[in-house]
Amino acid sequence: MAERIVIVAPNWLGDAVMALPAIADVRRHYPDAHLTIAARAAVAPLFMMVEGVDAVETLPGRGGLAALTSWTADATTLASGSFDAALLLPNSFATAFTARRAGIPERWGFATDWRGRMLTRAIEKPCHPLHQAAYYQALTTALGINAGPLHASVRTNRPRARDLLHEIGLDPDEPFVVFAPGAAYGRAKQWLPERFSELASLILRERGWSVVLVGSAADRAACEDIAARVPQSGSRLNRVIDLSGKTDLASLAGVLALSHAVVSNDSGAMHLAGAAGAKVVAIFGATSEARTAPLPAGAEAPAAAVLTHPVFCRPCMLRECPIDHRCMRGIRADAAFAALPITNNQLPITNVIT
C-alpha cells in the first residue's frame, strides 16, 4: 500500500487541467495516502487550487529537451519527498529516468519513449484517439484505479479577483466578457484579431458589457492589437480593458470565474476557464475539439460552446498554417456572439459548426 505518492504533472497548463480527473481518481483510490503533485513552476500554482492535493513540489529543472541536462535538480527534489510511488503523466524518457534516479521504488507510466525498463508498471498506450483527459484516465484505470467523471475543478480566490477588477475600474458585479486570444502552441490555434475586435464591438454595442483581455506577457501584442481595433465609448462600462501580463494563475482563475462568459482559443486559459466554472465559448481551428475540448467543472457546470468551421485540412495540428488559415477565417464574430449567454442562467449552446 503506497503511503506517499507523487504525481508528476504535465508541463503545459491545458494538459495539467485535463489531468485533474485522473488525479481525482488517484485521490479517491488512495484516500489515506499523502498525495503530492510535482510540477514545473509555470503550472505548479494550479495544483494549489485543487481539492485533495496535500502538497505541491515545484520542479526546478526544465521540461522538453532541456530536461536531459537539468534532471539532477528534479531528482534531488523528488528524492527529498521519500515517496513510495510515482505516477508519471508526461510520456518522456527524462521523466522516468529522473524518477528512478530519485530512488522512488514504484514508478508507473505509459511505456513510451523507450522508457519501459525504467518503470515498475509500464502500461501500453491506448491504440485509438481519446480526449486528453480520458488518455490520462486510461493510465490510471490500467493501474486498477476506477475512473470518475471527466470533470476538472479548481478553487478560485474571488475576493482577490474582485479587488483586481476594482483596481482597474471595473465593477465585478456588472457583466463582462473575457477574451483569451493567445495560444502558446502557435498562431494556427489563434482566432484572427479582427474577429475578436468585431466580437468586442458587437458586445459593446448590443449588450453594453465590458470586455477584458487576458493572457501572459507573451500575449500582450495580440491583446493590444485587438484593443486598438475597437472604438472606445469612454463610459464606465462599454469598454475594452487589457489585463494581459497583469495576472498570475490564481488571480486569472478568479477573474474567469467572475466573468459572464469567456471566449478563448484552444489554450491553457480556455481549460482554466472551464475548471473555474465559467461559461466558455471555445474556438477550434488547427486542433481537435474531440481531443482537447474544455472540461466542465462539475455535473451542474455549463458545457462549453465549441465553434468550428469545416474545411478539408482540419484538424491539421500544425503550429503555423501553410495556406490561408481558412479554418479560423470561417468562424464569424456573429456566430461567437450568438453562442454567448444572454443572462447568467442561460447556458451556452454547444458544438456550433459555422
Protein backbone atom coordinates (compact mmCIF):
# COMPACT_ATOMS: atom_id res chain seq x y z
CA MET A 1 0.00 0.00 0.00
CA ALA A 2 1.54 3.29 -1.11
CA GLU A 3 1.57 5.81 1.73
CA ARG A 4 3.37 8.65 -0.06
CA ILE A 5 2.50 9.16 -3.73
CA VAL A 6 3.85 11.78 -6.10
CA ILE A 7 2.15 12.55 -9.41
CA VAL A 8 4.47 14.20 -11.92
CA ALA A 9 2.24 16.65 -13.77
CA PRO A 10 2.23 17.63 -17.46
CA ASN A 11 4.26 20.71 -18.35
CA TRP A 12 1.53 22.69 -20.15
CA LEU A 13 -1.37 24.39 -18.37
CA GLY A 14 -4.08 22.92 -20.59
CA ASP A 15 -2.72 19.39 -20.19
CA ALA A 16 -2.38 19.94 -16.44
CA VAL A 17 -6.07 20.88 -16.20
CA MET A 18 -7.05 17.87 -18.30
CA ALA A 19 -5.08 15.66 -15.89
CA LEU A 20 -7.33 16.67 -12.96
CA PRO A 21 -9.91 13.87 -13.43
CA ALA A 22 -7.15 11.23 -13.24
CA ILE A 23 -5.67 12.97 -10.20
CA ALA A 24 -9.10 12.95 -8.53
CA ASP A 25 -9.35 9.22 -9.28
CA VAL A 26 -6.00 8.58 -7.57
CA ARG A 27 -7.16 10.62 -4.57
CA ARG A 28 -10.31 8.52 -4.21
CA HIS A 29 -8.44 5.24 -4.65
CA TYR A 30 -5.82 6.11 -2.03
CA PRO A 31 -7.84 8.16 0.49
CA ASP A 32 -5.27 7.85 3.28
CA ALA A 33 -2.12 8.39 1.22
CA HIS A 34 -0.16 11.64 1.25
CA LEU A 35 -0.58 12.95 -2.30
CA THR A 36 1.98 15.36 -3.76
CA ILE A 37 1.94 16.92 -7.21
CA ALA A 38 5.35 17.68 -8.73
CA ALA A 39 5.15 20.28 -11.48
CA ARG A 40 7.06 22.94 -13.36
CA ALA A 41 6.92 26.46 -11.96
CA ALA A 42 4.53 27.62 -14.70
CA VAL A 43 1.79 25.17 -13.70
CA ALA A 44 2.54 24.36 -10.05
CA PRO A 45 0.18 27.10 -8.74
CA LEU A 46 -2.73 25.33 -10.46
CA PHE A 47 -2.47 22.38 -8.09
CA MET A 48 -2.57 24.65 -5.06
CA MET A 49 -6.18 25.31 -6.14
CA VAL A 50 -7.10 21.61 -6.39
CA GLU A 51 -9.11 19.79 -3.72
CA GLY A 52 -7.44 16.70 -2.26
CA VAL A 53 -3.82 17.62 -3.02
CA ASP A 54 -1.72 17.51 0.16
CA ALA A 55 1.41 19.19 -1.18
CA VAL A 56 2.84 20.75 -4.34
CA GLU A 57 6.53 20.46 -5.21
CA THR A 58 7.93 22.79 -7.84
CA LEU A 59 10.44 21.01 -10.06
CA PRO A 60 13.42 23.33 -10.55
CA GLY A 61 14.60 21.80 -13.82
CA ARG A 62 13.18 22.48 -17.25
CA GLY A 63 10.88 20.47 -19.47
CA GLY A 64 11.33 19.23 -23.02
CA LEU A 65 14.83 18.60 -24.34
CA ALA A 66 16.27 20.79 -21.58
CA ALA A 67 15.32 18.06 -19.10
CA LEU A 68 18.22 16.00 -20.43
CA THR A 69 20.63 18.37 -18.73
CA SER A 70 18.55 19.58 -15.77
CA TRP A 71 17.30 16.26 -14.43
CA THR A 72 19.67 16.28 -11.43
CA ALA A 73 17.82 19.13 -9.69
CA ASP A 74 14.49 17.43 -10.33
CA ALA A 75 15.79 14.10 -8.98
CA THR A 76 17.04 15.81 -5.83
CA THR A 77 13.63 17.45 -5.29
CA LEU A 78 11.79 14.16 -5.79
CA ALA A 79 14.22 12.24 -3.57
CA SER A 80 13.57 14.65 -0.69
CA GLY A 81 9.92 13.57 -0.59
CA SER A 82 10.64 9.96 0.36
CA PHE A 83 7.86 8.79 -1.95
CA ASP A 84 6.73 5.17 -2.23
CA ALA A 85 5.28 5.56 -5.72
CA ALA A 86 5.41 7.97 -8.64
CA LEU A 87 2.70 8.30 -11.28
CA LEU A 88 4.33 9.81 -14.35
CA LEU A 89 1.85 11.67 -16.56
CA PRO A 90 4.44 13.07 -19.03
CA ASN A 91 5.50 10.46 -21.57
CA SER A 92 9.16 11.47 -21.75
CA PHE A 93 12.20 9.30 -21.16
CA ALA A 94 13.64 12.05 -18.94
CA THR A 95 10.67 11.88 -16.53
CA ALA A 96 11.10 8.15 -15.93
CA PHE A 97 14.89 8.46 -15.71
CA THR A 98 14.56 11.23 -13.12
CA ALA A 99 12.08 9.25 -11.00
CA ARG A 100 14.38 6.24 -10.99
CA ARG A 101 17.42 8.31 -10.07
CA ALA A 102 15.34 9.82 -7.24
CA GLY A 103 15.09 6.33 -5.76
CA ILE A 104 11.30 6.08 -5.90
CA PRO A 105 10.56 2.32 -5.60
CA GLU A 106 7.34 2.24 -7.64
CA ARG A 107 7.25 4.11 -10.96
CA TRP A 108 4.08 3.96 -13.04
CA GLY A 109 3.52 5.33 -16.53
CA PHE A 110 2.93 4.66 -20.18
CA ALA A 111 5.61 2.58 -21.89
CA THR A 112 6.63 5.33 -24.32
CA ASP A 113 9.87 6.95 -25.46
CA TRP A 114 11.97 3.81 -24.82
CA ARG A 115 11.48 4.06 -21.06
CA GLY A 116 9.62 0.83 -20.31
CA ARG A 117 12.53 -0.77 -18.44
CA MET A 118 12.72 2.17 -16.04
CA LEU A 119 9.08 1.73 -14.98
CA THR A 120 7.95 -0.85 -12.45
CA ARG A 121 4.49 -0.79 -14.04
CA ALA A 122 4.73 0.03 -17.73
CA ILE A 123 1.32 0.48 -19.35
CA GLU A 124 0.77 0.30 -23.09
CA LYS A 125 -0.57 3.48 -24.65
CA PRO A 126 -4.17 3.43 -25.92
CA CYS A 127 -4.23 2.44 -29.58
CA HIS A 128 -7.13 4.75 -30.51
CA PRO A 129 -7.55 8.53 -30.13
CA LEU A 130 -9.02 9.78 -26.87
CA HIS A 131 -9.76 13.09 -25.24
CA GLN A 132 -6.59 14.01 -23.37
CA ALA A 133 -8.37 13.69 -20.02
CA ALA A 134 -9.54 10.18 -20.95
CA TYR A 135 -5.98 9.41 -22.07
CA TYR A 136 -4.68 10.13 -18.57
CA GLN A 137 -7.51 8.08 -17.11
CA ALA A 138 -6.55 5.20 -19.41
CA LEU A 139 -3.27 5.08 -17.48
CA THR A 140 -4.88 5.15 -14.04
CA THR A 141 -7.59 2.61 -14.92
CA ALA A 142 -4.89 0.24 -16.22
CA LEU A 143 -3.36 0.53 -12.75
CA GLY A 144 -6.62 -0.69 -11.21
CA ILE A 145 -7.98 2.76 -10.29
CA ASN A 146 -11.65 3.33 -11.07
CA ALA A 147 -12.39 6.23 -13.42
CA GLY A 148 -14.64 9.02 -12.19
CA PRO A 149 -16.39 11.68 -14.29
CA LEU A 150 -14.48 13.86 -16.73
CA HIS A 151 -14.76 16.96 -14.58
CA ALA A 152 -11.97 19.41 -13.78
CA SER A 153 -12.50 21.85 -10.93
CA VAL A 154 -10.30 24.39 -9.16
CA ARG A 155 -10.93 26.58 -6.12
CA THR A 156 -10.81 30.26 -7.02
CA ASN A 157 -9.98 33.28 -4.90
CA ARG A 158 -12.88 35.51 -5.88
CA PRO A 159 -12.19 38.25 -3.29
CA ARG A 160 -8.68 38.69 -4.72
CA ALA A 161 -10.09 38.82 -8.26
CA ARG A 162 -12.73 41.34 -7.23
CA ASP A 163 -10.02 43.57 -5.76
CA LEU A 164 -8.07 43.35 -9.01
CA LEU A 165 -11.10 44.31 -11.07
CA HIS A 166 -11.84 47.24 -8.76
CA GLU A 167 -8.24 48.41 -9.24
CA ILE A 168 -8.74 48.66 -12.99
CA GLY A 169 -12.04 50.48 -12.55
CA LEU A 170 -14.35 47.57 -13.39
CA ASP A 171 -17.31 46.73 -11.16
CA PRO A 172 -17.15 42.92 -10.78
CA ASP A 173 -20.91 42.84 -10.24
CA GLU A 174 -21.52 44.21 -13.73
CA PRO A 175 -21.43 41.71 -16.64
CA PHE A 176 -18.15 41.46 -18.50
CA VAL A 177 -16.80 39.01 -21.08
CA VAL A 178 -13.22 37.76 -21.01
CA PHE A 179 -11.25 37.23 -24.21
CA ALA A 180 -8.21 34.93 -24.14
CA PRO A 181 -6.73 35.44 -27.63
CA GLY A 182 -3.34 33.80 -27.06
CA ALA A 183 -2.16 30.25 -27.66
CA ALA A 184 1.34 29.16 -26.70
CA TYR A 185 1.34 26.28 -29.19
CA GLY A 186 1.32 28.57 -32.23
CA ARG A 187 -0.62 31.03 -34.35
CA ALA A 188 -2.57 28.32 -36.16
CA LYS A 189 -4.68 27.94 -32.98
CA GLN A 190 -5.46 31.66 -32.77
CA TRP A 191 -8.68 33.23 -34.00
CA LEU A 192 -7.96 36.31 -36.06
CA PRO A 193 -7.53 39.63 -34.16
CA GLU A 194 -10.10 41.28 -36.43
CA ARG A 195 -12.67 38.63 -35.46
CA PHE A 196 -12.04 39.26 -31.76
CA SER A 197 -12.38 43.00 -32.32
CA GLU A 198 -15.60 42.51 -34.32
CA LEU A 199 -16.98 40.41 -31.47
CA ALA A 200 -15.93 43.02 -28.91
CA SER A 201 -17.74 45.71 -30.90
CA LEU A 202 -20.89 43.57 -31.01
CA ILE A 203 -20.75 43.01 -27.24
CA LEU A 204 -20.22 46.70 -26.53
CA ARG A 205 -22.96 47.85 -28.90
CA GLU A 206 -25.61 45.16 -28.38
CA ARG A 207 -25.11 44.25 -24.71
CA GLY A 208 -23.29 47.18 -23.12
CA TRP A 209 -20.90 44.82 -21.35
CA SER A 210 -17.18 45.41 -20.88
CA VAL A 211 -14.58 43.15 -22.48
CA VAL A 212 -11.47 42.11 -20.54
CA LEU A 213 -8.44 40.80 -22.45
CA VAL A 214 -6.24 38.30 -20.58
CA GLY A 215 -3.06 36.44 -21.33
CA SER A 216 0.60 36.14 -20.46
CA ALA A 217 3.19 38.79 -21.21
CA ALA A 218 3.81 36.93 -24.49
CA ASP A 219 0.17 37.58 -25.47
CA ARG A 220 0.37 41.33 -24.87
CA ALA A 221 0.93 42.24 -28.52
CA ALA A 222 -2.14 40.24 -29.59
CA CYS A 223 -4.26 41.85 -26.86
CA GLU A 224 -3.05 45.35 -27.72
CA ASP A 225 -3.83 44.74 -31.39
CA ILE A 226 -7.39 43.69 -30.57
CA ALA A 227 -7.98 46.59 -28.18
CA ALA A 228 -6.66 49.10 -30.71
CA ARG A 229 -9.18 47.94 -33.32
CA VAL A 230 -12.23 48.54 -31.09
CA PRO A 231 -13.74 52.06 -30.85
CA GLN A 232 -13.91 53.03 -27.18
CA SER A 233 -17.03 54.67 -25.78
CA GLY A 234 -15.31 56.26 -22.78
CA SER A 235 -18.18 55.37 -20.45
CA ARG A 236 -17.72 53.48 -17.19
CA LEU A 237 -19.00 50.36 -18.87
CA ASN A 238 -18.93 49.52 -22.53
CA ARG A 239 -15.14 49.43 -22.91
CA VAL A 240 -12.22 47.12 -23.55
CA ILE A 241 -9.69 46.58 -20.76
CA ASP A 242 -6.33 44.91 -21.34
CA LEU A 243 -5.16 42.74 -18.41
CA SER A 244 -2.55 40.79 -20.36
CA GLY A 245 0.60 40.14 -18.34
CA LYS A 246 -1.03 41.51 -15.17
CA THR A 247 -2.42 38.32 -13.62
CA ASP A 248 -0.89 35.26 -12.06
CA LEU A 249 -2.61 31.90 -12.34
CA ALA A 250 -4.66 32.31 -9.16
CA SER A 251 -5.95 35.81 -9.96
CA LEU A 252 -6.65 34.80 -13.56
CA ALA A 253 -8.77 31.87 -12.38
CA GLY A 254 -10.71 34.26 -10.14
CA VAL A 255 -11.35 36.73 -12.97
CA LEU A 256 -12.52 33.91 -15.24
CA ALA A 257 -14.87 32.63 -12.54
CA LEU A 258 -16.42 36.09 -12.08
CA SER A 259 -16.93 36.69 -15.80
CA HIS A 260 -20.23 36.46 -17.62
CA ALA A 261 -18.50 34.31 -20.27
CA VAL A 262 -15.05 33.53 -21.66
CA VAL A 263 -14.20 33.47 -25.38
CA SER A 264 -10.95 31.63 -26.00
CA ASN A 265 -8.81 29.78 -28.47
CA ASP A 266 -7.78 26.23 -27.61
CA SER A 267 -5.34 27.23 -24.86
CA GLY A 268 -4.45 26.86 -21.21
CA ALA A 269 -6.72 29.80 -20.38
CA MET A 270 -9.64 28.01 -22.05
CA HIS A 271 -9.13 24.93 -19.88
CA LEU A 272 -8.65 27.02 -16.74
CA ALA A 273 -11.89 28.87 -17.50
CA GLY A 274 -13.81 25.60 -17.69
CA ALA A 275 -12.26 24.42 -14.40
CA ALA A 276 -13.20 27.74 -12.78
CA GLY A 277 -16.84 27.15 -13.70
CA ALA A 278 -17.03 29.84 -16.38
CA LYS A 279 -19.29 29.71 -19.43
CA VAL A 280 -16.80 29.08 -22.23
CA VAL A 281 -17.05 29.78 -25.95
CA ALA A 282 -14.15 27.73 -27.33
CA ILE A 283 -12.86 28.40 -30.83
CA PHE A 284 -11.14 25.48 -32.54
CA GLY A 285 -9.24 25.53 -35.81
CA ALA A 286 -5.99 23.61 -36.23
CA THR A 287 -6.58 21.38 -33.22
CA SER A 288 -9.24 18.77 -32.50
CA GLU A 289 -12.13 19.53 -30.18
CA ALA A 290 -12.56 15.77 -29.77
CA ARG A 291 -9.13 15.65 -28.12
CA THR A 292 -8.94 18.89 -26.15
CA ALA A 293 -12.39 20.43 -25.65
CA PRO A 294 -12.59 22.10 -22.21
CA LEU A 295 -13.96 20.00 -19.37
CA PRO A 296 -16.85 21.18 -17.19
CA ALA A 297 -16.13 21.90 -13.54
CA GLY A 298 -18.87 19.52 -12.40
CA ALA A 299 -22.15 17.86 -13.21
CA GLU A 300 -24.10 21.11 -12.86
CA ALA A 301 -21.49 23.31 -14.56
CA PRO A 302 -22.15 24.72 -18.03
CA ALA A 303 -20.87 22.83 -21.04
CA ALA A 304 -18.64 24.76 -23.40
CA ALA A 305 -19.91 26.09 -26.70
CA VAL A 306 -17.40 24.81 -29.28
CA LEU A 307 -17.14 26.74 -32.55
CA THR A 308 -15.56 25.20 -35.64
CA HIS A 309 -15.59 25.77 -39.39
CA PRO A 310 -15.41 22.60 -41.53
CA VAL A 311 -12.57 22.59 -44.04
CA PHE A 312 -10.74 19.67 -45.62
CA CYS A 313 -7.46 20.29 -43.77
CA ARG A 314 -8.60 20.48 -40.14
CA PRO A 315 -7.54 19.41 -37.67
CA CYS A 316 -4.00 19.64 -39.04
CA MET A 317 -2.29 20.05 -35.62
CA LEU A 318 0.26 22.42 -37.15
CA ARG A 319 1.71 25.40 -35.30
CA GLU A 320 1.56 27.65 -38.37
CA CYS A 321 -0.96 27.47 -41.20
CA PRO A 322 0.83 26.86 -44.53
CA ILE A 323 -2.10 28.21 -46.57
CA ASP A 324 -4.78 30.80 -45.69
CA HIS A 325 -5.93 29.89 -42.14
CA ARG A 326 -9.37 29.12 -43.54
CA CYS A 327 -10.47 27.08 -40.51
CA MET A 328 -10.28 30.23 -38.38
CA ARG A 329 -11.30 32.75 -41.03
CA GLY A 330 -14.54 30.87 -41.49
CA ILE A 331 -15.64 31.34 -37.87
CA ARG A 332 -17.62 34.59 -37.82
CA ALA A 333 -17.92 37.05 -34.97
CA ASP A 334 -21.71 36.88 -35.08
CA ALA A 335 -21.55 33.10 -34.50
CA ALA A 336 -19.46 33.64 -31.38
CA PHE A 337 -21.84 36.41 -30.28
CA ALA A 338 -24.82 34.08 -30.69
CA ALA A 339 -23.09 31.50 -28.50
CA LEU A 340 -22.75 33.92 -25.58
CA PRO A 341 -25.33 33.51 -22.80
CA ILE A 342 -27.71 36.45 -22.55
CA THR A 343 -28.38 36.01 -18.84
CA ASN A 344 -26.46 34.33 -16.04
CA ASN A 345 -28.98 31.50 -16.03
CA GLN A 346 -28.68 30.75 -19.74
CA LEU A 347 -26.10 28.18 -20.73
CA PRO A 348 -24.20 28.46 -24.00
CA ILE A 349 -25.20 26.31 -26.93
CA THR A 350 -22.73 23.54 -27.76
CA ASN A 351 -20.87 22.38 -30.87
CA VAL A 352 -21.56 25.14 -33.36
CA ILE A 353 -20.37 24.49 -36.92
CA THR A 354 -20.24 27.73 -38.90
